[in-house]
Amino acid sequence: MNTLEPSQPTTFSQTYLIERDAGLLCRILGLYPSRGIDVVAARYEYAAKDVMNLHVSVGATHEDMADTLRVLVDKASTFVGVIAACEHEAIAVRAA
């Protein structure tokens, strides 16, 4: 019997350094569904006094996802309270 192992999906990750503000966090996370993008994972952690690190991962659902996310990062970086924003591609690691 020959079984095919599914290929590992590509995910895109974005990291935001933001002021500690729940409203700002909600505005950033709200950008994803407004553009039809499903969030696979989100992590929000302390970075420094009144500064938090938000890490968001989304699954690649279409070929131009990188461009879509780049626009999203540019949009979010204009929000008051966003100190820095960047995106990068990462390979999702499956648990054995």
PDB file of N, CA and C in Angstrom:
ATOM      1  N   MET A   1       0.850  -1.168   0.000  1.00  0.00           N
ATOM      2  CA  MET A   1       0.000   0.000   0.000  1.00  0.00           C
ATOM      3  C   MET A   1       0.895   1.230   0.000  1.00  0.00           C
ATOM      4  N   ASN A   2       0.571   2.171  -0.834  1.00  0.00           N
ATOM      5  CA  ASN A   2       1.339   3.399  -0.969  1.00  0.00           C
ATOM      6  C   ASN A   2       0.527   4.553  -0.392  1.00  0.00           C
ATOM      7  N   THR A   3       1.067   5.218   0.603  1.00  0.00           N
ATOM      8  CA  THR A   3       0.360   6.352   1.185  1.00  0.00           C
ATOM      9  C   THR A   3       1.173   7.603   0.938  1.00  0.00           C
ATOM     10  N   LEU A   4       0.484   8.643   0.649  1.00  0.00           N
ATOM     11  CA  LEU A   4       1.134   9.937   0.432  1.00  0.00           C
ATOM     12  C   LEU A   4       1.045  10.753   1.703  1.00  0.00           C
ATOM     13  N   GLU A   5       2.157  11.291   2.094  1.00  0.00           N
ATOM     14  CA  GLU A   5       2.155  12.166   3.257  1.00  0.00           C
ATOM     15  C   GLU A   5       1.832  13.569   2.780  1.00  0.00           C
ATOM     16  N   PRO A   6       0.874  14.234   3.420  1.00  0.00           N
ATOM     17  CA  PRO A   6       0.522  15.582   2.984  1.00  0.00           C
ATOM     18  C   PRO A   6       1.717  16.519   3.159  1.00  0.00           C
ATOM     19  N   SER A   7       1.877  17.412   2.204  1.00  0.00           N
ATOM     20  CA  SER A   7       2.976  18.370   2.314  1.00  0.00           C
ATOM     21  C   SER A   7       2.684  19.348   3.453  1.00  0.00           C
ATOM     22  N   GLN A   8       3.748  19.862   4.030  1.00  0.00           N
ATOM     23  CA  GLN A   8       3.574  20.806   5.124  1.00  0.00           C
ATOM     24  C   GLN A   8       3.112  22.145   4.558  1.00  0.00           C
ATOM     25  N   PRO A   9       2.053  22.691   5.117  1.00  0.00           N
ATOM     26  CA  PRO A   9       1.546  23.954   4.585  1.00  0.00           C
ATOM     27  C   PRO A   9       2.495  25.107   4.921  1.00  0.00           C
ATOM     28  N   THR A  10       2.529  26.064   4.034  1.00  0.00           N
ATOM     29  CA  THR A  10       3.325  27.254   4.288  1.00  0.00           C
ATOM     30  C   THR A  10       2.476  28.231   5.093  1.00  0.00           C
ATOM     31  N   THR A  11       3.073  28.822   6.084  1.00  0.00           N
ATOM     32  CA  THR A  11       2.382  29.854   6.844  1.00  0.00           C
ATOM     33  C   THR A  11       3.171  31.145   6.726  1.00  0.00           C
ATOM     34  N   PHE A  12       2.484  32.227   6.925  1.00  0.00           N
ATOM     35  CA  PHE A  12       3.128  33.531   6.952  1.00  0.00           C
ATOM     36  C   PHE A  12       2.967  34.076   8.354  1.00  0.00           C
ATOM     37  N   SER A  13       4.027  34.637   8.872  1.00  0.00           N
ATOM     38  CA  SER A  13       3.999  35.189  10.221  1.00  0.00           C
ATOM     39  C   SER A  13       4.286  36.681  10.172  1.00  0.00           C
ATOM     40  N   GLN A  14       3.636  37.371  11.065  1.00  0.00           N
ATOM     41  CA  GLN A  14       3.853  38.804  11.199  1.00  0.00           C
ATOM     42  C   GLN A  14       4.075  39.111  12.669  1.00  0.00           C
ATOM     43  N   THR A  15       4.969  40.029  12.910  1.00  0.00           N
ATOM     44  CA  THR A  15       5.268  40.413  14.275  1.00  0.00           C
ATOM     45  C   THR A  15       5.094  41.921  14.412  1.00  0.00           C
ATOM     46  N   TYR A  16       4.411  42.308  15.473  1.00  0.00           N
ATOM     47  CA  TYR A  16       4.170  43.716  15.750  1.00  0.00           C
ATOM     48  C   TYR A  16       4.716  44.041  17.139  1.00  0.00           C
ATOM     49  N   LEU A  17       5.400  45.127  17.257  1.00  0.00           N
ATOM     50  CA  LEU A  17       5.810  45.671  18.546  1.00  0.00           C
ATOM     51  C   LEU A  17       4.875  46.842  18.784  1.00  0.00           C
ATOM     52  N   ILE A  18       4.030  46.716  19.800  1.00  0.00           N
ATOM     53  CA  ILE A  18       2.971  47.711  19.994  1.00  0.00           C
ATOM     54  C   ILE A  18       2.907  48.172  21.440  1.00  0.00           C
ATOM     55  N   GLU A  19       2.347  49.363  21.602  1.00  0.00           N
ATOM     56  CA  GLU A  19       2.072  49.839  22.948  1.00  0.00           C
ATOM     57  C   GLU A  19       1.015  48.939  23.569  1.00  0.00           C
ATOM     58  N   ARG A  20       1.070  48.792  24.860  1.00  0.00           N
ATOM     59  CA  ARG A  20       0.111  47.933  25.567  1.00  0.00           C
ATOM     60  C   ARG A  20      -1.261  48.597  25.537  1.00  0.00           C
ATOM     61  N   ASP A  21      -2.112  48.107  24.634  1.00  0.00           N
ATOM     62  CA  ASP A  21      -3.417  48.726  24.410  1.00  0.00           C
ATOM     63  C   ASP A  21      -4.348  47.680  23.787  1.00  0.00           C
ATOM     64  N   ALA A  22      -5.373  47.291  24.518  1.00  0.00           N
ATOM     65  CA  ALA A  22      -6.301  46.257  24.037  1.00  0.00           C
ATOM     66  C   ALA A  22      -7.036  46.709  22.779  1.00  0.00           C
ATOM     67  N   GLY A  23      -7.357  47.988  22.682  1.00  0.00           N
ATOM     68  CA  GLY A  23      -8.039  48.503  21.490  1.00  0.00           C
ATOM     69  C   GLY A  23      -7.170  48.382  20.252  1.00  0.00           C
ATOM     70  N   LEU A  24      -5.884  48.679  20.398  1.00  0.00           N
ATOM     71  CA  LEU A  24      -4.943  48.566  19.288  1.00  0.00           C
ATOM     72  C   LEU A  24      -4.792  47.104  18.872  1.00  0.00           C
ATOM     73  N   LEU A  25      -4.703  46.223  19.849  1.00  0.00           N
ATOM     74  CA  LEU A  25      -4.613  44.790  19.574  1.00  0.00           C
ATOM     75  C   LEU A  25      -5.821  44.332  18.759  1.00  0.00           C
ATOM     76  N   CYS A  26      -7.008  44.744  19.149  1.00  0.00           N
ATOM     77  CA  CYS A  26      -8.229  44.366  18.436  1.00  0.00           C
ATOM     78  C   CYS A  26      -8.255  44.944  17.023  1.00  0.00           C
ATOM     79  N   ARG A  27      -7.777  46.171  16.849  1.00  0.00           N
ATOM     80  CA  ARG A  27      -7.749  46.779  15.513  1.00  0.00           C
ATOM     81  C   ARG A  27      -6.832  45.999  14.583  1.00  0.00           C
ATOM     82  N   ILE A  28      -5.668  45.610  15.080  1.00  0.00           N
ATOM     83  CA  ILE A  28      -4.720  44.850  14.253  1.00  0.00           C
ATOM     84  C   ILE A  28      -5.306  43.485  13.902  1.00  0.00           C
ATOM     85  N   LEU A  29      -5.801  42.774  14.893  1.00  0.00           N
ATOM     86  CA  LEU A  29      -6.368  41.443  14.634  1.00  0.00           C
ATOM     87  C   LEU A  29      -7.608  41.527  13.744  1.00  0.00           C
ATOM     88  N   GLY A  30      -8.324  42.626  13.793  1.00  0.00           N
ATOM     89  CA  GLY A  30      -9.506  42.814  12.957  1.00  0.00           C
ATOM     90  C   GLY A  30      -9.185  43.000  11.483  1.00  0.00           C
ATOM     91  N   LEU A  31      -7.944  43.379  11.169  1.00  0.00           N
ATOM     92  CA  LEU A  31      -7.546  43.544   9.770  1.00  0.00           C
ATOM     93  C   LEU A  31      -7.611  42.222   8.999  1.00  0.00           C
ATOM     94  N   TYR A  32      -7.288  41.130   9.670  1.00  0.00           N
ATOM     95  CA  TYR A  32      -7.218  39.827   8.997  1.00  0.00           C
ATOM     96  C   TYR A  32      -8.573  39.361   8.475  1.00  0.00           C
ATOM     97  N   PRO A  33      -9.588  39.228   9.337  1.00  0.00           N
ATOM     98  CA  PRO A  33     -10.885  38.759   8.809  1.00  0.00           C
ATOM     99  C   PRO A  33     -11.515  39.756   7.846  1.00  0.00           C
ATOM    100  N   SER A  34     -11.204  41.043   8.000  1.00  0.00           N
ATOM    101  CA  SER A  34     -11.774  42.026   7.077  1.00  0.00           C
ATOM    102  C   SER A  34     -11.257  41.831   5.658  1.00  0.00           C
ATOM    103  N   ARG A  35     -10.142  41.129   5.521  1.00  0.00           N
ATOM    104  CA  ARG A  35      -9.579  40.819   4.206  1.00  0.00           C
ATOM    105  C   ARG A  35      -9.724  39.334   3.864  1.00  0.00           C
ATOM    106  N   GLY A  36     -10.537  38.622   4.635  1.00  0.00           N
ATOM    107  CA  GLY A  36     -10.807  37.213   4.367  1.00  0.00           C
ATOM    108  C   GLY A  36      -9.655  36.285   4.702  1.00  0.00           C
ATOM    109  N   ILE A  37      -8.818  36.688   5.649  1.00  0.00           N
ATOM    110  CA  ILE A  37      -7.654  35.886   6.038  1.00  0.00           C
ATOM    111  C   ILE A  37      -7.923  35.254   7.396  1.00  0.00           C
ATOM    112  N   ASP A  38      -7.736  33.939   7.474  1.00  0.00           N
ATOM    113  CA  ASP A  38      -7.912  33.223   8.737  1.00  0.00           C
ATOM    114  C   ASP A  38      -6.602  33.211   9.512  1.00  0.00           C
ATOM    115  N   VAL A  39      -6.684  33.550  10.785  1.00  0.00           N
ATOM    116  CA  VAL A  39      -5.520  33.512  11.668  1.00  0.00           C
ATOM    117  C   VAL A  39      -5.358  32.089  12.187  1.00  0.00           C
ATOM    118  N   VAL A  40      -4.162  31.523  12.005  1.00  0.00           N
ATOM    119  CA  VAL A  40      -3.867  30.176  12.483  1.00  0.00           C
ATOM    120  C   VAL A  40      -3.470  30.232  13.956  1.00  0.00           C
ATOM    121  N   ALA A  41      -2.683  31.234  14.333  1.00  0.00           N
ATOM    122  CA  ALA A  41      -2.230  31.378  15.716  1.00  0.00           C
ATOM    123  C   ALA A  41      -1.901  32.835  15.986  1.00  0.00           C
ATOM    124  N   ALA A  42      -2.073  33.236  17.233  1.00  0.00           N
ATOM    125  CA  ALA A  42      -1.692  34.578  17.665  1.00  0.00           C
ATOM    126  C   ALA A  42      -1.098  34.470  19.066  1.00  0.00           C
ATOM    127  N   ARG A  43      -0.019  35.178  19.273  1.00  0.00           N
ATOM    128  CA  ARG A  43       0.653  35.175  20.573  1.00  0.00           C
ATOM    129  C   ARG A  43       0.931  36.623  20.954  1.00  0.00           C
ATOM    130  N   TYR A  44       0.600  36.990  22.175  1.00  0.00           N
ATOM    131  CA  TYR A  44       0.737  38.353  22.677  1.00  0.00           C
ATOM    132  C   TYR A  44       1.541  38.265  23.956  1.00  0.00           C
ATOM    133  N   GLU A  45       2.717  38.889  23.989  1.00  0.00           N
ATOM    134  CA  GLU A  45       3.575  38.745  25.159  1.00  0.00           C
ATOM    135  C   GLU A  45       4.260  40.052  25.521  1.00  0.00           C
ATOM    136  N   TYR A  46       4.687  40.121  26.746  1.00  0.00           N
ATOM    137  CA  TYR A  46       5.376  41.279  27.287  1.00  0.00           C
ATOM    138  C   TYR A  46       6.727  41.456  26.604  1.00  0.00           C
ATOM    139  N   ALA A  47       7.058  42.679  26.186  1.00  0.00           N
ATOM    140  CA  ALA A  47       8.358  42.954  25.573  1.00  0.00           C
ATOM    141  C   ALA A  47       9.169  43.934  26.427  1.00  0.00           C
ATOM    142  N   ALA A  48       8.513  44.922  26.991  1.00  0.00           N
ATOM    143  CA  ALA A  48       9.151  45.925  27.841  1.00  0.00           C
ATOM    144  C   ALA A  48       8.033  46.680  28.556  1.00  0.00           C
ATOM    145  N   LYS A  49       8.400  47.627  29.372  1.00  0.00           N
ATOM    146  CA  LYS A  49       7.377  48.386  30.103  1.00  0.00           C
ATOM    147  C   LYS A  49       6.400  49.020  29.119  1.00  0.00           C
ATOM    148  N   ASP A  50       5.134  48.660  29.249  1.00  0.00           N
ATOM    149  CA  ASP A  50       4.042  49.166  28.410  1.00  0.00           C
ATOM    150  C   ASP A  50       4.219  48.872  26.923  1.00  0.00           C
ATOM    151  N   VAL A  51       5.039  47.882  26.591  1.00  0.00           N
ATOM    152  CA  VAL A  51       5.239  47.474  25.196  1.00  0.00           C
ATOM    153  C   VAL A  51       5.015  45.967  25.098  1.00  0.00           C
ATOM    154  N   MET A  52       4.231  45.575  24.101  1.00  0.00           N
ATOM    155  CA  MET A  52       3.918  44.163  23.909  1.00  0.00           C
ATOM    156  C   MET A  52       4.340  43.721  22.511  1.00  0.00           C
ATOM    157  N   ASN A  53       4.612  42.430  22.394  1.00  0.00           N
ATOM    158  CA  ASN A  53       4.959  41.819  21.126  1.00  0.00           C
ATOM    159  C   ASN A  53       3.772  40.956  20.697  1.00  0.00           C
ATOM    160  N   LEU A  54       3.229  41.224  19.519  1.00  0.00           N
ATOM    161  CA  LEU A  54       2.123  40.447  18.969  1.00  0.00           C
ATOM    162  C   LEU A  54       2.661  39.671  17.779  1.00  0.00           C
ATOM    163  N   HIS A  55       2.524  38.352  17.816  1.00  0.00           N
ATOM    164  CA  HIS A  55       2.973  37.493  16.727  1.00  0.00           C
ATOM    165  C   HIS A  55       1.747  36.789  16.159  1.00  0.00           C
ATOM    166  N   VAL A  56       1.483  36.990  14.863  1.00  0.00           N
ATOM    167  CA  VAL A  56       0.305  36.437  14.207  1.00  0.00           C
ATOM    168  C   VAL A  56       0.754  35.535  13.066  1.00  0.00           C
ATOM    169  N   SER A  57       0.178  34.327  12.979  1.00  0.00           N
ATOM    170  CA  SER A  57       0.470  33.401  11.880  1.00  0.00           C
ATOM    171  C   SER A  57      -0.820  33.116  11.121  1.00  0.00           C
ATOM    172  N   VAL A  58      -0.718  33.115   9.799  1.00  0.00           N
ATOM    173  CA  VAL A  58      -1.858  32.805   8.942  1.00  0.00           C
ATOM    174  C   VAL A  58      -1.438  31.754   7.939  1.00  0.00           C
ATOM    175  N   GLY A  59      -2.387  30.937   7.501  1.00  0.00           N
ATOM    176  CA  GLY A  59      -2.106  29.929   6.488  1.00  0.00           C
ATOM    177  C   GLY A  59      -2.114  30.560   5.109  1.00  0.00           C
ATOM    178  N   ALA A  60      -1.277  30.056   4.224  1.00  0.00           N
ATOM    179  CA  ALA A  60      -1.228  30.546   2.845  1.00  0.00           C
ATOM    180  C   ALA A  60      -2.406  29.958   2.081  1.00  0.00           C
ATOM    181  N   THR A  61      -3.349  30.792   1.705  1.00  0.00           N
ATOM    182  CA  THR A  61      -4.537  30.304   1.022  1.00  0.00           C
ATOM    183  C   THR A  61      -4.542  30.634  -0.461  1.00  0.00           C
ATOM    184  N   HIS A  62      -3.697  31.546  -0.897  1.00  0.00           N
ATOM    185  CA  HIS A  62      -3.601  31.852  -2.323  1.00  0.00           C
ATOM    186  C   HIS A  62      -2.199  32.351  -2.649  1.00  0.00           C
ATOM    187  N   GLU A  63      -1.879  32.380  -3.936  1.00  0.00           N
ATOM    188  CA  GLU A  63      -0.521  32.674  -4.374  1.00  0.00           C
ATOM    189  C   GLU A  63      -0.020  34.056  -3.981  1.00  0.00           C
ATOM    190  N   ASP A  64      -0.891  35.025  -3.987  1.00  0.00           N
ATOM    191  CA  ASP A  64      -0.441  36.387  -3.685  1.00  0.00           C
ATOM    192  C   ASP A  64      -0.614  36.754  -2.211  1.00  0.00           C
ATOM    193  N   MET A  65      -0.608  35.728  -1.328  1.00  0.00           N
ATOM    194  CA  MET A  65      -0.770  35.968   0.105  1.00  0.00           C
ATOM    195  C   MET A  65       0.333  36.884   0.644  1.00  0.00           C
ATOM    196  N   ALA A  66       1.567  36.697   0.198  1.00  0.00           N
ATOM    197  CA  ALA A  66       2.675  37.519   0.690  1.00  0.00           C
ATOM    198  C   ALA A  66       2.423  38.994   0.403  1.00  0.00           C
ATOM    199  N   ASP A  67       1.931  39.304  -0.779  1.00  0.00           N
ATOM    200  CA  ASP A  67       1.640  40.695  -1.122  1.00  0.00           C
ATOM    201  C   ASP A  67       0.486  41.234  -0.287  1.00  0.00           C
ATOM    202  N   THR A  68      -0.529  40.414  -0.106  1.00  0.00           N
ATOM    203  CA  THR A  68      -1.681  40.821   0.709  1.00  0.00           C
ATOM    204  C   THR A  68      -1.236  41.138   2.132  1.00  0.00           C
ATOM    205  N   LEU A  69      -0.403  40.272   2.702  1.00  0.00           N
ATOM    206  CA  LEU A  69       0.058  40.485   4.071  1.00  0.00           C
ATOM    207  C   LEU A  69       1.008  41.669   4.177  1.00  0.00           C
ATOM    208  N   ARG A  70       1.791  41.909   3.144  1.00  0.00           N
ATOM    209  CA  ARG A  70       2.681  43.067   3.147  1.00  0.00           C
ATOM    210  C   ARG A  70       1.864  44.365   3.214  1.00  0.00           C
ATOM    211  N   VAL A  71       0.777  44.407   2.463  1.00  0.00           N
ATOM    212  CA  VAL A  71      -0.122  45.561   2.497  1.00  0.00           C
ATOM    213  C   VAL A  71      -0.742  45.688   3.883  1.00  0.00           C
ATOM    214  N   LEU A  72      -1.126  44.554   4.471  1.00  0.00           N
ATOM    215  CA  LEU A  72      -1.726  44.554   5.801  1.00  0.00           C
ATOM    216  C   LEU A  72      -0.746  45.103   6.846  1.00  0.00           C
ATOM    217  N   VAL A  73       0.523  44.699   6.765  1.00  0.00           N
ATOM    218  CA  VAL A  73       1.544  45.198   7.694  1.00  0.00           C
ATOM    219  C   VAL A  73       1.730  46.699   7.513  1.00  0.00           C
ATOM    220  N   ASP A  74       1.752  47.149   6.255  1.00  0.00           N
ATOM    221  CA  ASP A  74       1.883  48.587   5.993  1.00  0.00           C
ATOM    222  C   ASP A  74       0.712  49.356   6.606  1.00  0.00           C
ATOM    223  N   LYS A  75      -0.489  48.813   6.453  1.00  0.00           N
ATOM    224  CA  LYS A  75      -1.685  49.451   7.015  1.00  0.00           C
ATOM    225  C   LYS A  75      -1.598  49.508   8.536  1.00  0.00           C
ATOM    226  N   ALA A  76      -1.271  48.374   9.163  1.00  0.00           N
ATOM    227  CA  ALA A  76      -1.203  48.324  10.626  1.00  0.00           C
ATOM    228  C   ALA A  76      -0.119  49.244  11.161  1.00  0.00           C
ATOM    229  N   SER A  77       0.972  49.398  10.429  1.00  0.00           N
ATOM    230  CA  SER A  77       2.074  50.227  10.927  1.00  0.00           C
ATOM    231  C   SER A  77       1.699  51.702  10.984  1.00  0.00           C
ATOM    232  N   THR A  78       0.595  52.085  10.338  1.00  0.00           N
ATOM    233  CA  THR A  78       0.144  53.482  10.417  1.00  0.00           C
ATOM    234  C   THR A  78      -0.685  53.751  11.666  1.00  0.00           C
ATOM    235  N   PHE A  79      -1.100  52.709  12.378  1.00  0.00           N
ATOM    236  CA  PHE A  79      -1.905  52.897  13.582  1.00  0.00           C
ATOM    237  C   PHE A  79      -1.060  53.536  14.683  1.00  0.00           C
ATOM    238  N   VAL A  80      -1.639  54.472  15.382  1.00  0.00           N
ATOM    239  CA  VAL A  80      -0.953  55.074  16.522  1.00  0.00           C
ATOM    240  C   VAL A  80      -0.729  53.988  17.561  1.00  0.00           C
ATOM    241  N   GLY A  81       0.488  53.850  18.035  1.00  0.00           N
ATOM    242  CA  GLY A  81       0.820  52.848  19.036  1.00  0.00           C
ATOM    243  C   GLY A  81       1.587  51.663  18.483  1.00  0.00           C
ATOM    244  N   VAL A  82       1.664  51.547  17.147  1.00  0.00           N
ATOM    245  CA  VAL A  82       2.484  50.488  16.557  1.00  0.00           C
ATOM    246  C   VAL A  82       3.902  51.026  16.442  1.00  0.00           C
ATOM    247  N   ILE A  83       4.822  50.374  17.120  1.00  0.00           N
ATOM    248  CA  ILE A  83       6.217  50.821  17.138  1.00  0.00           C
ATOM    249  C   ILE A  83       6.968  50.241  15.941  1.00  0.00           C
ATOM    250  N   ALA A  84       6.726  48.974  15.627  1.00  0.00           N
ATOM    251  CA  ALA A  84       7.373  48.305  14.495  1.00  0.00           C
ATOM    252  C   ALA A  84       6.482  47.176  14.016  1.00  0.00           C
ATOM    253  N   ALA A  85       6.600  46.832  12.739  1.00  0.00           N
ATOM    254  CA  ALA A  85       5.828  45.730  12.164  1.00  0.00           C
ATOM    255  C   ALA A  85       6.635  45.098  11.041  1.00  0.00           C
ATOM    256  N   CYS A  86       6.597  43.764  10.969  1.00  0.00           N
ATOM    257  CA  CYS A  86       7.297  43.071   9.886  1.00  0.00           C
ATOM    258  C   CYS A  86       6.605  41.745   9.606  1.00  0.00           C
ATOM    259  N   GLU A  87       6.924  41.162   8.441  1.00  0.00           N
ATOM    260  CA  GLU A  87       6.366  39.860   8.085  1.00  0.00           C
ATOM    261  C   GLU A  87       7.483  38.976   7.569  1.00  0.00           C
ATOM    262  N   HIS A  88       7.249  37.672   7.691  1.00  0.00           N
ATOM    263  CA  HIS A  88       8.198  36.708   7.143  1.00  0.00           C
ATOM    264  C   HIS A  88       7.482  35.389   6.899  1.00  0.00           C
ATOM    265  N   GLU A  89       8.032  34.599   5.982  1.00  0.00           N
ATOM    266  CA  GLU A  89       7.449  33.309   5.648  1.00  0.00           C
ATOM    267  C   GLU A  89       8.114  32.254   6.538  1.00  0.00           C
ATOM    268  N   ALA A  90       7.314  31.325   7.025  1.00  0.00           N
ATOM    269  CA  ALA A  90       7.843  30.255   7.867  1.00  0.00           C
ATOM    270  C   ALA A  90       7.160  28.950   7.489  1.00  0.00           C
ATOM    271  N   ILE A  91       7.878  27.864   7.593  1.00  0.00           N
ATOM    272  CA  ILE A  91       7.310  26.553   7.338  1.00  0.00           C
ATOM    273  C   ILE A  91       6.692  26.029   8.631  1.00  0.00           C
ATOM    274  N   ALA A  92       5.424  25.651   8.553  1.00  0.00           N
ATOM    275  CA  ALA A  92       4.754  25.106   9.735  1.00  0.00           C
ATOM    276  C   ALA A  92       5.363  23.765  10.090  1.00  0.00           C
ATOM    277  N   VAL A  93       5.581  23.542  11.361  1.00  0.00           N
ATOM    278  CA  VAL A  93       6.157  22.287  11.815  1.00  0.00           C
ATOM    279  C   VAL A  93       5.059  21.450  12.446  1.00  0.00           C
ATOM    280  N   ARG A  94       4.890  20.234  11.908  1.00  0.00           N
ATOM    281  CA  ARG A  94       3.871  19.345  12.453  1.00  0.00           C
ATOM    282  C   ARG A  94       4.465  18.528  13.575  1.00  0.00           C
ATOM    283  N   ALA A  95       3.657  18.245  14.574  1.00  0.00           N
ATOM    284  CA  ALA A  95       4.104  17.375  15.657  1.00  0.00           C
ATOM    285  C   ALA A  95       4.134  15.940  15.146  1.00  0.00           C
ATOM    286  N   ALA A  96       5.131  15.197  15.568  1.00  0.00           N
ATOM    287  CA  ALA A  96       5.262  13.800  15.093  1.00  0.00           C
ATOM    288  C   ALA A  96       4.268  12.890  15.781  1.00  0.00           C
TER     289      ALA A  96
END
